[in-house]
C-alpha atoms as a PDB file:
ATOM      1  CA  MET A   1      31.286  17.947  18.180  1.00  0.00           C
ATOM      2  CA  PRO A   2      29.280  15.117  16.587  1.00  0.00           C
ATOM      3  CA  ARG A   3      25.767  15.902  15.558  1.00  0.00           C
ATOM      4  CA  SER A   4      23.149  14.009  17.515  1.00  0.00           C
ATOM      5  CA  ARG A   5      20.767  12.150  15.311  1.00  0.00           C
ATOM      6  CA  LYS A   6      17.349  11.182  16.397  1.00  0.00           C
ATOM      7  CA  GLU A   7      16.811   7.481  15.896  1.00  0.00           C
ATOM      8  CA  PRO A   8      13.768   6.756  13.760  1.00  0.00           C
ATOM      9  CA  ALA A   9      10.869   5.281  15.653  1.00  0.00           C
ATOM     10  CA  ALA A  10      10.202   1.639  15.045  1.00  0.00           C
ATOM     11  CA  PRO A  11       7.340   1.273  12.598  1.00  0.00           C
ATOM     12  CA  ALA A  12       4.065   0.299  14.199  1.00  0.00           C
ATOM     13  CA  ALA A  13       2.785  -3.149  13.325  1.00  0.00           C
ATOM     14  CA  PRO A  14       0.463  -2.835  10.322  1.00  0.00           C
ATOM     15  CA  VAL A  15      -2.769  -4.664   9.693  1.00  0.00           C
ATOM     16  CA  THR A  16      -1.732  -8.155   8.603  1.00  0.00           C
ATOM     17  CA  VAL A  17      -3.755 -10.392   6.334  1.00  0.00           C
ATOM     18  CA  THR A  18      -2.692 -14.004   6.758  1.00  0.00           C
ATOM     19  CA  VAL A  19      -3.692 -16.246   3.876  1.00  0.00           C
ATOM     20  CA  CYS A  20      -3.695 -19.998   4.377  1.00  0.00           C
ATOM     21  CA  ARG A  21      -2.300 -21.915   1.434  1.00  0.00           C
ATOM     22  CA  GLY A  22      -1.748 -25.349   2.958  1.00  0.00           C
ATOM     23  CA  CYS A  23      -3.290 -28.731   2.378  1.00  0.00           C
ATOM     24  CA  CYS A  24      -6.838 -27.537   1.608  1.00  0.00           C
ATOM     25  CA  CYS A  25      -6.722 -23.775   1.214  1.00  0.00           C
ATOM     26  CA  GLY A  26      -5.213 -22.793  -2.089  1.00  0.00           C
ATOM     27  CA  ASN A  27      -5.576 -26.322  -3.427  1.00  0.00           C
ATOM     28  CA  ALA A  28      -6.358 -26.197  -7.145  1.00  0.00           C
ATOM     29  CA  ALA A  29      -7.433 -29.853  -7.157  1.00  0.00           C
ATOM     30  CA  LYS A  30      -9.960 -29.263  -4.366  1.00  0.00           C
ATOM     31  CA  TYR A  31     -11.134 -25.885  -5.715  1.00  0.00           C
ATOM     32  CA  PRO A  32     -10.460 -25.975  -9.471  1.00  0.00           C
ATOM     33  CA  GLY A  33     -12.559 -22.902 -10.237  1.00  0.00           C
ATOM     34  CA  VAL A  34     -10.492 -20.598  -8.003  1.00  0.00           C
ATOM     35  CA  ASP A  35      -7.341 -18.852  -9.224  1.00  0.00           C
ATOM     36  CA  HIS A  36      -5.432 -18.882  -5.951  1.00  0.00           C
ATOM     37  CA  ARG A  37      -2.420 -16.967  -7.327  1.00  0.00           C
ATOM     38  CA  ALA A  38      -4.726 -14.238  -8.633  1.00  0.00           C
ATOM     39  CA  GLN A  39      -6.328 -14.012  -5.176  1.00  0.00           C
ATOM     40  CA  LEU A  40      -2.953 -13.258  -3.597  1.00  0.00           C
ATOM     41  CA  ASP A  41      -2.152 -10.739  -6.332  1.00  0.00           C
ATOM     42  CA  ARG A  42      -5.530  -9.036  -5.773  1.00  0.00           C
ATOM     43  CA  LEU A  43      -4.980  -8.829  -2.014  1.00  0.00           C
ATOM     44  CA  ASN A  44      -1.440  -7.466  -2.371  1.00  0.00           C
ATOM     45  CA  ALA A  45      -2.487  -4.883  -4.950  1.00  0.00           C
ATOM     46  CA  GLY A  46      -5.592  -3.820  -3.026  1.00  0.00           C
ATOM     47  CA  ILE A  47      -3.909  -3.552   0.364  1.00  0.00           C
ATOM     48  CA  GLY A  48      -0.778  -1.819  -0.898  1.00  0.00           C
ATOM     49  CA  ALA A  49       1.001   0.126   1.823  1.00  0.00           C
ATOM     50  CA  ALA A  50      -2.013  -0.023   4.179  1.00  0.00           C
ATOM     51  CA  GLY A  51      -0.958  -3.427   5.518  1.00  0.00           C
ATOM     52  CA  LYS A  52       0.832  -6.598   4.615  1.00  0.00           C
ATOM     53  CA  VAL A  53      -0.154  -9.970   3.229  1.00  0.00           C
ATOM     54  CA  ARG A  54       1.458 -13.041   4.719  1.00  0.00           C
ATOM     55  CA  VAL A  55       1.101 -16.548   3.275  1.00  0.00           C
ATOM     56  CA  VAL A  56       1.282 -19.536   5.628  1.00  0.00           C
ATOM     57  CA  ASP A  57       1.280 -23.242   4.965  1.00  0.00           C
ATOM     58  CA  CYS A  58      -1.645 -24.397   7.099  1.00  0.00           C
ATOM     59  CA  LEU A  59      -3.788 -22.871   9.845  1.00  0.00           C
ATOM     60  CA  ASP A  60      -5.377 -26.234  10.710  1.00  0.00           C
ATOM     61  CA  VAL A  61      -8.976 -25.173  10.071  1.00  0.00           C
ATOM     62  CA  CYS A  62      -9.495 -27.058   6.815  1.00  0.00           C
ATOM     63  CA  ASP A  63     -13.290 -27.213   7.174  1.00  0.00           C
ATOM     64  CA  HIS A  64     -13.314 -23.460   6.486  1.00  0.00           C
ATOM     65  CA  ALA A  65     -10.989 -23.396   3.444  1.00  0.00           C
ATOM     66  CA  ASN A  66     -10.063 -20.815   1.959  1.00  0.00           C
ATOM     67  CA  VAL A  67      -9.081 -19.123   5.213  1.00  0.00           C
ATOM     68  CA  VAL A  68      -7.962 -15.524   5.640  1.00  0.00           C
ATOM     69  CA  VAL A  69      -7.141 -13.957   9.019  1.00  0.00           C
ATOM     70  CA  VAL A  70      -7.233 -10.169   9.354  1.00  0.00           C
ATOM     71  CA  SER A  71      -5.091  -9.149  12.333  1.00  0.00           C
ATOM     72  CA  PRO A  72      -5.245  -5.625  13.747  1.00  0.00           C
ATOM     73  CA  SER A  73      -2.464  -3.108  13.558  1.00  0.00           C
ATOM     74  CA  ALA A  74      -0.741  -2.128  16.797  1.00  0.00           C
ATOM     75  CA  GLU A  75      -3.097   0.846  17.033  1.00  0.00           C
ATOM     76  CA  GLY A  76      -6.116  -1.346  16.294  1.00  0.00           C
ATOM     77  CA  ARG A  77      -5.079  -3.831  18.989  1.00  0.00           C
ATOM     78  CA  ARG A  78      -4.743  -0.981  21.517  1.00  0.00           C
ATOM     79  CA  ALA A  79      -8.295   0.023  20.541  1.00  0.00           C
ATOM     80  CA  GLY A  80      -9.540  -3.492  21.336  1.00  0.00           C
ATOM     81  CA  GLY A  81      -9.288  -5.109  17.915  1.00  0.00           C
ATOM     82  CA  ARG A  82      -8.570  -8.820  17.691  1.00  0.00           C
ATOM     83  CA  PRO A  83      -7.848 -11.058  14.708  1.00  0.00           C
ATOM     84  CA  VAL A  84     -10.881 -11.937  12.628  1.00  0.00           C
ATOM     85  CA  TRP A  85     -10.904 -15.377  11.003  1.00  0.00           C
ATOM     86  CA  LEU A  86     -12.736 -15.580   7.695  1.00  0.00           C
ATOM     87  CA  GLY A  87     -13.626 -18.822   5.961  1.00  0.00           C
ATOM     88  CA  TRP A  88     -14.727 -19.769   2.481  1.00  0.00           C
ATOM     89  CA  VAL A  89     -13.089 -16.711   0.919  1.00  0.00           C
ATOM     90  CA  PHE A  90     -13.387 -17.537  -2.766  1.00  0.00           C
ATOM     91  CA  GLN A  91     -15.016 -14.571  -4.500  1.00  0.00           C
ATOM     92  CA  ASP A  92     -13.387 -11.352  -5.703  1.00  0.00           C
ATOM     93  CA  ASP A  93     -15.978  -9.244  -3.889  1.00  0.00           C
ATOM     94  CA  MET A  94     -14.933 -10.865  -0.588  1.00  0.00           C
ATOM     95  CA  LEU A  95     -11.304 -10.021  -1.307  1.00  0.00           C
ATOM     96  CA  ASP A  96     -12.320  -6.473  -2.194  1.00  0.00           C
ATOM     97  CA  ASP A  97     -14.144  -6.177   1.147  1.00  0.00           C
ATOM     98  CA  VAL A  98     -11.026  -7.407   2.965  1.00  0.00           C
ATOM     99  CA  THR A  99      -8.798  -4.881   1.196  1.00  0.00           C
ATOM    100  CA  ALA A 100     -11.241  -2.018   1.815  1.00  0.00           C
ATOM    101  CA  TRP A 101     -11.409  -2.949   5.503  1.00  0.00           C
ATOM    102  CA  VAL A 102      -7.609  -2.989   5.778  1.00  0.00           C
ATOM    103  CA  ARG A 103      -7.364   0.408   4.039  1.00  0.00           C
ATOM    104  CA  ASP A 104      -9.975   1.742   6.505  1.00  0.00           C
ATOM    105  CA  GLY A 105      -7.847   0.607   9.475  1.00  0.00           C
ATOM    106  CA  GLY A 106      -8.870  -3.021  10.055  1.00  0.00           C
ATOM    107  CA  PRO A 107     -10.007  -4.612  13.322  1.00  0.00           C
ATOM    108  CA  GLY A 108     -10.334  -2.191  16.212  1.00  0.00           C
ATOM    109  CA  LEU A 109     -10.366   0.903  13.995  1.00  0.00           C
ATOM    110  CA  ALA A 110     -13.015   0.117  11.386  1.00  0.00           C
ATOM    111  CA  ASP A 111     -16.115  -2.043  11.395  1.00  0.00           C
ATOM    112  CA  CYS A 112     -15.924  -5.325   9.560  1.00  0.00           C
ATOM    113  CA  PRO A 113     -17.941  -5.057   6.331  1.00  0.00           C
ATOM    114  CA  GLY A 114     -21.304  -6.741   6.824  1.00  0.00           C
ATOM    115  CA  THR A 115     -20.744  -9.207   4.024  1.00  0.00           C
ATOM    116  CA  LEU A 116     -17.615 -10.524   5.760  1.00  0.00           C
ATOM    117  CA  ASP A 117     -19.553 -11.095   8.993  1.00  0.00           C
ATOM    118  CA  LEU A 118     -21.080 -14.091   7.223  1.00  0.00           C
ATOM    119  CA  GLN A 119     -17.590 -15.526   6.651  1.00  0.00           C
ATOM    120  CA  ALA A 120     -16.294 -14.979  10.204  1.00  0.00           C
ATOM    121  CA  PHE A 121     -15.774 -17.937  12.513  1.00  0.00           C
ATOM    122  CA  ALA A 122     -14.164 -18.629  15.889  1.00  0.00           C
ATOM    123  CA  VAL A 123     -11.188 -20.933  16.267  1.00  0.00           C
ATOM    124  CA  SER A 124     -10.629 -23.329  19.122  1.00  0.00           C
ATOM    125  CA  ARG A 125      -8.204 -22.544  21.908  1.00  0.00           C
ATOM    126  CA  ARG A 126      -6.016 -25.450  20.731  1.00  0.00           C
ATOM    127  CA  ILE A 127      -5.633 -23.874  17.301  1.00  0.00           C
ATOM    128  CA  ARG A 128      -5.207 -20.351  18.678  1.00  0.00           C
ATOM    129  CA  GLU A 129      -2.508 -21.353  21.177  1.00  0.00           C
ATOM    130  CA  GLY A 130      -0.431 -22.936  18.422  1.00  0.00           C
ATOM    131  CA  LEU A 131      -0.256 -19.695  16.445  1.00  0.00           C
ATOM    132  CA  PRO A 132       2.127 -16.751  16.635  1.00  0.00           C
ATOM    133  CA  GLU A 133       0.951 -13.990  18.986  1.00  0.00           C
ATOM    134  CA  GLN A 134      -0.066 -11.764  16.077  1.00  0.00           C
ATOM    135  CA  ALA A 135      -2.733 -14.197  14.849  1.00  0.00           C
ATOM    136  CA  ARG A 136      -4.303 -14.835  18.270  1.00  0.00           C
END
């Protein structure tokens, strides 16, 4: 008689940090004092297994470059969390606040660090509707 094996549960969606690296964000010519590669390395190292970092070409909100979107985990979304759009993310301390927030659970499960509240902005419906469901 074959042994029944329990199928592993599908992993819950983690907190996702989407980093814009399109025409303005991540542009060394526009922001020569920012090491954009080091920013990604810092985010990946700081977030570790607590979430994932995703790089996209352009989020179409160039007036807010460098843009980072922190999207809730599946659990955070069930708790009411929604993606938080952060602009002008240039400094290491901002990246450290993002990584700490992700490690604490992210939107819906942990409060946004007060310093990041100053970076948060709302996107238009036109922009939001053109994005994958996870970033809305």
